[in-house]
Amino acid sequence: MDKRTGKGRQKIEIKLSESKEARLVTFSKRKKGFFKKANEFSTRTGAGVDVMLCSFHQVEKHITMPPQVKKK
């Protein structure tokens, strides 16, 4: 028998934040995770990754990760 009492992982609604400050905080947090995933992808596949991210402030963030080559 299943005796789960909690709700578990809930799906949240994705919508635009009303507060400009809240949007900036969310952008910076998600940006960090996005670049982390790009780096992980480059490391696992050995592929070069090129990421360009533009915020609503028109500040561009550009990062290039060369292919990761393992030396034997």
Protein backbone atom coordinates (compact mmCIF):
# COMPACT_ATOMS: atom_id res chain seq x y z
CA MET A 1 0.00 0.00 0.00
CA ASP A 2 1.14 3.52 -0.81
CA LYS A 3 1.29 5.69 2.33
CA ARG A 4 2.66 8.94 0.92
CA THR A 5 1.69 11.91 2.99
CA GLY A 6 3.56 14.74 1.23
CA LYS A 7 2.83 16.38 -2.07
CA GLY A 8 6.25 15.63 -3.54
CA ARG A 9 7.74 17.69 -6.30
CA GLN A 10 5.18 20.14 -7.60
CA LYS A 11 5.10 21.68 -11.06
CA ILE A 12 5.13 25.47 -10.92
CA GLU A 13 3.53 27.83 -13.39
CA ILE A 14 6.08 29.73 -15.47
CA LYS A 15 5.09 33.38 -15.82
CA LEU A 16 6.69 36.81 -16.00
CA SER A 17 7.46 38.28 -12.58
CA GLU A 18 5.82 41.63 -11.94
CA SER A 19 8.76 43.02 -9.96
CA LYS A 20 11.78 44.12 -11.98
CA GLU A 21 14.04 43.29 -9.01
CA ALA A 22 12.62 39.76 -8.79
CA ARG A 23 13.22 39.27 -12.52
CA LEU A 24 16.84 40.35 -12.13
CA VAL A 25 17.40 37.91 -9.25
CA THR A 26 15.75 35.07 -11.17
CA PHE A 27 17.80 35.87 -14.27
CA SER A 28 21.10 35.79 -12.37
CA LYS A 29 20.26 32.50 -10.64
CA ARG A 30 19.09 30.77 -13.82
CA LYS A 31 22.06 32.16 -15.76
CA LYS A 32 24.47 30.47 -13.39
CA GLY A 33 22.67 27.13 -13.79
CA PHE A 34 22.51 27.54 -17.56
CA PHE A 35 26.27 28.04 -17.87
CA LYS A 36 26.85 25.12 -15.51
CA LYS A 37 24.77 22.87 -17.78
CA ALA A 38 26.63 24.12 -20.87
CA ASN A 39 29.96 23.33 -19.20
CA GLU A 40 28.72 19.87 -18.18
CA PHE A 41 27.54 19.21 -21.74
CA SER A 42 30.94 20.20 -23.10
CA THR A 43 32.74 17.98 -20.60
CA ARG A 44 30.57 14.91 -21.18
CA THR A 45 30.43 15.06 -24.97
CA GLY A 46 33.78 16.63 -25.80
CA ALA A 47 31.96 19.15 -28.00
CA GLY A 48 32.66 22.86 -28.10
CA VAL A 49 29.83 24.96 -26.68
CA ASP A 50 29.11 28.59 -27.53
CA VAL A 51 26.55 30.40 -25.37
CA MET A 52 25.21 33.92 -25.80
CA LEU A 53 22.68 35.18 -23.28
CA CYS A 54 20.96 38.58 -23.45
CA SER A 55 19.07 40.06 -20.52
CA PHE A 56 16.29 42.60 -20.55
CA HIS A 57 18.95 45.21 -19.68
CA GLN A 58 20.59 44.49 -23.07
CA VAL A 59 23.77 43.30 -21.36
CA GLU A 60 25.25 40.44 -23.33
CA LYS A 61 27.00 37.55 -21.69
CA HIS A 62 29.01 35.45 -24.11
CA ILE A 63 31.07 32.43 -23.22
CA THR A 64 32.86 29.88 -25.38
CA MET A 65 33.91 26.51 -24.04
CA PRO A 66 36.38 24.65 -26.25
CA PRO A 67 36.02 20.90 -26.66
CA GLN A 68 37.22 18.95 -23.64
CA VAL A 69 39.81 16.41 -24.75
CA LYS A 70 40.92 13.72 -22.33
CA LYS A 71 44.61 12.96 -22.34
CA LYS A 72 45.66 9.34 -21.99
